[in-house]
Amino acid sequence: MFVISRLIILSVPALWLLGLELVKKNNAFLFPAAIFFLVFLFFAVLIVCRGRIDKAFWHFLILPILFSAASFFFFLFLTSEIIFHSLVVLTGLALYLILHQYFIYSSFPAKYQPYTLEGLTFYGSLFLLFFVYSSVFAGLILIQWNIFLLAGLMLPVLAAAAYLFFWIHKINLEKSWLFLLIILLIQLELFIAVSYLQTGYYVDAFILTIANYLMFSFSKASLQGSLNMRQIIVQTSIAGALLLSVLLTAPWG
C-alpha cells in the first residue's frame, strides 16, 4: 500500500502537467482531460486516505478538487507561454504537497507536523480563490458574461472554501455558520463593487483575495478567542500595503 500510495502521489502532478500541455496544444482535449483528471484525483485522494470513505475523506477531497478545477479554468485565460508553463509546474507541485501531507497524516501520524494541514489549506484556499476570481472577472470582461450568473456560479466555491477553512481549524459549523454567511455576503458585494473598477481582472482578483485573507484570519481568531488589537493592526497594515502597491502600479482605464 505504501508503494502504491507513493506512485499515486507522484502520478497526480505528472498527469496534471501532461493534461494541460495536451489542452494547450489542442482544445479538443479540454473536456476529456478535465474529466479524466478529476476522476483520477478522486481515487488518488481515496487511496492516500487508506481507502476509507468517511467524513475526513470528503473534507480532504475539497481542496485538491477545487484547487485543480480553479487552476484549470484560470489557465484558459492565460496568454503568456512562460507564465502558463511556470504555473502548470507550480500548481502541480502544490497538488503533490497536498496529497503528500494527506498521506503523512493518514498513514504516519507520528511523523505529521502539527498545523501543517491548516497552513497548507489556508494558503491553498487563497490561491484557488485568486484563480476563481481571475477566471470570473476574465469571463466578465473578455466574454461579457452576466455578472449575476457568474456570482451564482462562484458562490458554491466560496462557500466550500470557507467551510473547509473553518473545518480544518477544528471549528464546527454550529460555531462558524454566521461567520460563513457574513463572509459570503461581503464577498458577493465586493465582487459586484470591484467589477466596476477600471482595472485588469488580475488586480480585481487580488483585491478580493486580500479581503478573503483578512476575513479568514479575523474570523478564525475571533472564534478561537485569540483576536486582539495588535493582530488586527498588523494584518490590516500588511494587507493595506499590498493593496496600495498593486493599485498604484496597476494600469487603469
Protein backbone atom coordinates (compact mmCIF):
# COMPACT_ATOMS: atom_id res chain seq x y z
CA MET A 1 0.00 0.00 0.00
CA PHE A 2 2.91 2.33 0.76
CA VAL A 3 4.44 1.90 -2.71
CA ILE A 4 1.06 2.31 -4.42
CA SER A 5 0.31 5.48 -2.46
CA ARG A 6 3.70 6.97 -3.32
CA LEU A 7 3.23 6.18 -7.02
CA ILE A 8 -0.26 7.68 -6.97
CA ILE A 9 1.02 10.86 -5.33
CA LEU A 10 3.75 11.21 -7.96
CA SER A 11 1.40 10.39 -10.84
CA VAL A 12 -1.04 13.22 -10.00
CA PRO A 13 1.33 16.13 -10.88
CA ALA A 14 2.63 14.13 -13.86
CA LEU A 15 -0.90 13.72 -15.26
CA TRP A 16 -1.66 17.34 -14.41
CA LEU A 17 1.33 18.50 -16.46
CA LEU A 18 0.58 16.14 -19.35
CA GLY A 19 -3.13 17.01 -19.46
CA LEU A 20 -2.62 20.76 -19.51
CA GLU A 21 0.08 20.52 -22.15
CA LEU A 22 -2.29 18.48 -24.32
CA VAL A 23 -5.07 21.02 -23.84
CA LYS A 24 -2.65 23.82 -24.69
CA LYS A 25 -1.77 22.15 -27.99
CA ASN A 26 -5.31 21.04 -28.89
CA ASN A 27 -8.53 22.33 -27.34
CA ALA A 28 -10.27 19.09 -28.33
CA PHE A 29 -8.67 17.52 -25.25
CA LEU A 30 -10.29 20.13 -22.96
CA PHE A 31 -13.24 18.20 -21.51
CA PRO A 32 -11.79 14.66 -21.74
CA ALA A 33 -8.61 15.76 -19.94
CA ALA A 34 -10.52 17.65 -17.24
CA ILE A 35 -12.95 14.81 -16.55
CA PHE A 36 -10.24 12.14 -16.55
CA PHE A 37 -8.02 14.10 -14.18
CA LEU A 38 -10.82 14.88 -11.71
CA VAL A 39 -11.88 11.22 -11.62
CA PHE A 40 -8.27 10.14 -11.16
CA LEU A 41 -7.82 12.73 -8.41
CA PHE A 42 -10.89 11.39 -6.60
CA PHE A 43 -9.42 7.89 -6.44
CA ALA A 44 -5.95 9.26 -5.66
CA VAL A 45 -7.26 11.01 -2.54
CA LEU A 46 -9.18 7.86 -1.64
CA ILE A 47 -6.05 5.70 -1.85
CA VAL A 48 -3.94 8.25 0.02
CA CYS A 49 -6.58 8.29 2.76
CA ARG A 50 -6.19 4.49 3.06
CA GLY A 51 -9.35 3.66 1.13
CA ARG A 52 -11.74 4.92 3.78
CA ILE A 53 -14.77 6.83 2.51
CA ASP A 54 -15.58 8.69 5.68
CA LYS A 55 -16.17 12.28 6.75
CA ALA A 56 -12.46 13.10 6.70
CA PHE A 57 -12.11 11.80 3.13
CA TRP A 58 -14.90 14.04 1.79
CA HIS A 59 -13.37 17.03 3.56
CA PHE A 60 -9.86 16.25 2.30
CA LEU A 61 -11.26 15.96 -1.23
CA ILE A 62 -12.48 19.57 -1.28
CA LEU A 63 -9.12 21.35 -1.55
CA PRO A 64 -7.45 19.31 -4.36
CA ILE A 65 -10.66 19.17 -6.41
CA LEU A 66 -11.39 22.90 -6.10
CA PHE A 67 -7.74 23.87 -6.49
CA SER A 68 -7.26 21.85 -9.68
CA ALA A 69 -10.61 22.96 -11.17
CA ALA A 70 -9.95 26.64 -10.39
CA SER A 71 -6.40 26.40 -11.77
CA PHE A 72 -7.69 24.70 -14.92
CA PHE A 73 -10.15 27.48 -15.70
CA PHE A 74 -7.56 30.11 -14.82
CA PHE A 75 -5.13 28.65 -17.37
CA LEU A 76 -7.72 29.01 -20.13
CA PHE A 77 -7.34 32.80 -19.95
CA LEU A 78 -3.54 32.90 -19.87
CA THR A 79 -1.82 34.18 -23.00
CA SER A 80 1.83 34.17 -21.91
CA GLU A 81 3.58 30.88 -22.67
CA ILE A 82 6.18 31.40 -19.95
CA ILE A 83 3.59 32.15 -17.26
CA PHE A 84 1.45 29.23 -18.40
CA HIS A 85 4.23 26.64 -18.19
CA SER A 86 5.58 28.07 -14.94
CA LEU A 87 2.19 27.99 -13.23
CA VAL A 88 1.44 24.49 -14.52
CA VAL A 89 4.58 23.26 -12.78
CA LEU A 90 3.89 25.23 -9.58
CA THR A 91 0.26 24.11 -9.31
CA GLY A 92 1.32 20.53 -9.99
CA LEU A 93 3.82 20.85 -7.14
CA ALA A 94 1.06 22.25 -4.93
CA LEU A 95 -1.16 19.23 -5.66
CA TYR A 96 1.76 16.96 -4.80
CA LEU A 97 2.31 18.71 -1.47
CA ILE A 98 -1.39 18.48 -0.59
CA LEU A 99 -1.58 14.75 -1.31
CA HIS A 100 1.76 14.11 0.39
CA GLN A 101 0.55 15.75 3.59
CA TYR A 102 -2.71 13.78 3.44
CA PHE A 103 -0.62 10.63 3.14
CA ILE A 104 1.58 11.52 6.12
CA TYR A 105 -1.44 12.48 8.21
CA SER A 106 -3.36 9.29 7.38
CA SER A 107 -0.56 6.70 7.35
CA PHE A 108 2.18 8.09 9.60
CA PRO A 109 0.51 10.32 12.20
CA ALA A 110 3.64 10.24 14.40
CA LYS A 111 5.60 12.00 11.63
CA TYR A 112 2.93 14.59 10.96
CA GLN A 113 3.95 18.13 11.92
CA PRO A 114 1.16 19.92 13.82
CA TYR A 115 -0.73 22.64 11.90
CA THR A 116 0.79 21.65 8.55
CA LEU A 117 -2.59 20.89 7.02
CA GLU A 118 -4.05 24.05 8.50
CA GLY A 119 -1.37 26.21 6.88
CA LEU A 120 -1.48 24.32 3.60
CA THR A 121 -5.26 24.60 3.43
CA PHE A 122 -5.18 28.31 4.27
CA TYR A 123 -2.71 29.30 1.56
CA GLY A 124 -4.05 26.75 -0.91
CA SER A 125 -7.53 28.22 -0.44
CA LEU A 126 -6.25 31.74 -1.07
CA PHE A 127 -4.59 30.69 -4.32
CA LEU A 128 -7.65 28.78 -5.52
CA LEU A 129 -9.83 31.81 -4.72
CA PHE A 130 -7.45 34.03 -6.69
CA PHE A 131 -7.77 31.63 -9.64
CA VAL A 132 -11.57 31.62 -9.29
CA TYR A 133 -11.83 35.41 -9.07
CA SER A 134 -9.44 35.87 -12.01
CA SER A 135 -11.45 33.46 -14.15
CA VAL A 136 -14.76 35.08 -13.22
CA PHE A 137 -13.53 38.62 -13.88
CA ALA A 138 -11.92 37.46 -17.13
CA GLY A 139 -15.26 35.98 -18.20
CA LEU A 140 -16.97 39.21 -17.21
CA ILE A 141 -14.52 41.47 -19.06
CA LEU A 142 -13.49 39.40 -22.08
CA ILE A 143 -16.60 37.33 -22.79
CA GLN A 144 -19.22 39.68 -21.34
CA TRP A 145 -20.89 37.01 -19.23
CA ASN A 146 -23.75 38.07 -16.97
CA ILE A 147 -22.44 39.27 -13.62
CA PHE A 148 -25.22 37.68 -11.58
CA LEU A 149 -24.79 34.33 -13.35
CA LEU A 150 -21.07 34.44 -12.55
CA ALA A 151 -21.81 35.36 -8.94
CA GLY A 152 -24.17 32.39 -8.67
CA LEU A 153 -21.57 30.01 -10.14
CA MET A 154 -18.89 31.39 -7.84
CA LEU A 155 -20.92 31.18 -4.62
CA PRO A 156 -20.67 27.38 -4.06
CA VAL A 157 -16.88 27.53 -4.48
CA LEU A 158 -16.59 30.38 -1.97
CA ALA A 159 -18.84 28.52 0.47
CA ALA A 160 -16.87 25.27 0.16
CA ALA A 161 -13.51 27.03 0.61
CA ALA A 162 -14.70 28.97 3.66
CA TYR A 163 -16.33 25.87 5.19
CA LEU A 164 -13.13 23.85 4.68
CA PHE A 165 -11.06 26.60 6.26
CA PHE A 166 -13.12 26.51 9.45
CA TRP A 167 -13.30 22.71 9.49
CA ILE A 168 -9.54 22.21 9.16
CA HIS A 169 -9.09 24.55 12.14
CA LYS A 170 -11.48 22.35 14.14
CA ILE A 171 -14.29 24.91 14.17
CA ASN A 172 -17.59 23.15 13.57
CA LEU A 173 -20.45 24.51 11.50
CA GLU A 174 -22.56 25.27 14.57
CA LYS A 175 -20.00 27.88 15.60
CA SER A 176 -18.91 29.11 12.17
CA TRP A 177 -22.17 29.32 10.18
CA LEU A 178 -22.78 33.00 10.93
CA PHE A 179 -19.19 33.95 10.03
CA LEU A 180 -19.50 31.82 6.91
CA LEU A 181 -22.67 33.61 5.88
CA ILE A 182 -21.18 37.06 6.52
CA ILE A 183 -18.03 36.21 4.54
CA LEU A 184 -20.11 35.06 1.57
CA LEU A 185 -22.30 38.17 1.62
CA ILE A 186 -19.31 40.51 1.86
CA GLN A 187 -17.51 38.69 -0.95
CA LEU A 188 -20.53 38.91 -3.25
CA GLU A 189 -20.92 42.62 -2.51
CA LEU A 190 -17.21 43.22 -3.08
CA PHE A 191 -17.34 41.22 -6.30
CA ILE A 192 -20.09 43.44 -7.70
CA ALA A 193 -18.40 46.63 -6.45
CA VAL A 194 -14.92 45.74 -7.75
CA SER A 195 -16.33 44.75 -11.14
CA TYR A 196 -16.91 48.47 -11.79
CA LEU A 197 -13.23 49.35 -11.33
CA GLN A 198 -11.31 50.21 -14.48
CA THR A 199 -8.55 47.71 -13.78
CA GLY A 200 -7.49 44.32 -15.10
CA TYR A 201 -9.00 41.09 -13.86
CA TYR A 202 -5.81 40.06 -12.05
CA VAL A 203 -5.93 43.22 -9.96
CA ASP A 204 -9.62 42.75 -9.24
CA ALA A 205 -8.97 39.16 -8.18
CA PHE A 206 -6.10 40.24 -5.95
CA ILE A 207 -8.35 42.74 -4.14
CA LEU A 208 -10.92 40.06 -3.32
CA THR A 209 -8.24 37.56 -2.32
CA ILE A 210 -6.77 40.03 0.16
CA ALA A 211 -10.26 40.61 1.54
CA ASN A 212 -10.63 36.86 2.00
CA TYR A 213 -7.27 36.70 3.75
CA LEU A 214 -8.39 39.27 6.31
CA MET A 215 -11.81 37.75 6.86
CA PHE A 216 -10.44 34.22 7.25
CA SER A 217 -7.77 35.36 9.68
CA PHE A 218 -10.02 37.54 11.82
CA SER A 219 -12.89 35.05 11.85
CA LYS A 220 -10.67 32.18 12.97
CA ALA A 221 -9.03 34.27 15.68
CA SER A 222 -12.41 35.53 16.89
CA LEU A 223 -13.93 32.04 17.09
CA GLN A 224 -10.84 30.71 18.88
CA GLY A 225 -10.82 33.64 21.29
CA SER A 226 -7.37 34.87 20.24
CA LEU A 227 -8.28 38.03 18.32
CA ASN A 228 -6.51 41.13 19.64
CA MET A 229 -5.86 44.69 18.55
CA ARG A 230 -2.21 44.05 17.68
CA GLN A 231 -3.18 41.27 15.27
CA ILE A 232 -5.82 43.47 13.64
CA ILE A 233 -3.37 46.36 13.17
CA VAL A 234 -0.52 44.19 11.84
CA GLN A 235 -2.57 42.15 9.38
CA THR A 236 -4.62 45.12 8.21
CA SER A 237 -1.44 47.14 7.67
CA ILE A 238 0.18 44.35 5.65
CA ALA A 239 -2.95 43.85 3.55
CA GLY A 240 -3.34 47.61 3.07
CA ALA A 241 0.27 47.98 1.95
CA LEU A 242 -0.09 45.13 -0.56
CA LEU A 243 -3.31 46.56 -1.94
CA LEU A 244 -1.88 50.06 -2.21
CA SER A 245 1.24 48.87 -4.02
CA VAL A 246 -0.83 46.86 -6.51
CA LEU A 247 -3.37 49.63 -7.14
CA LEU A 248 -0.68 52.28 -7.62
CA THR A 249 1.21 50.18 -10.15
CA ALA A 250 -1.80 48.70 -11.95
CA PRO A 251 -2.82 50.10 -15.36
CA TRP A 252 -6.20 51.91 -15.23
CA GLY A 253 -8.70 52.50 -17.97
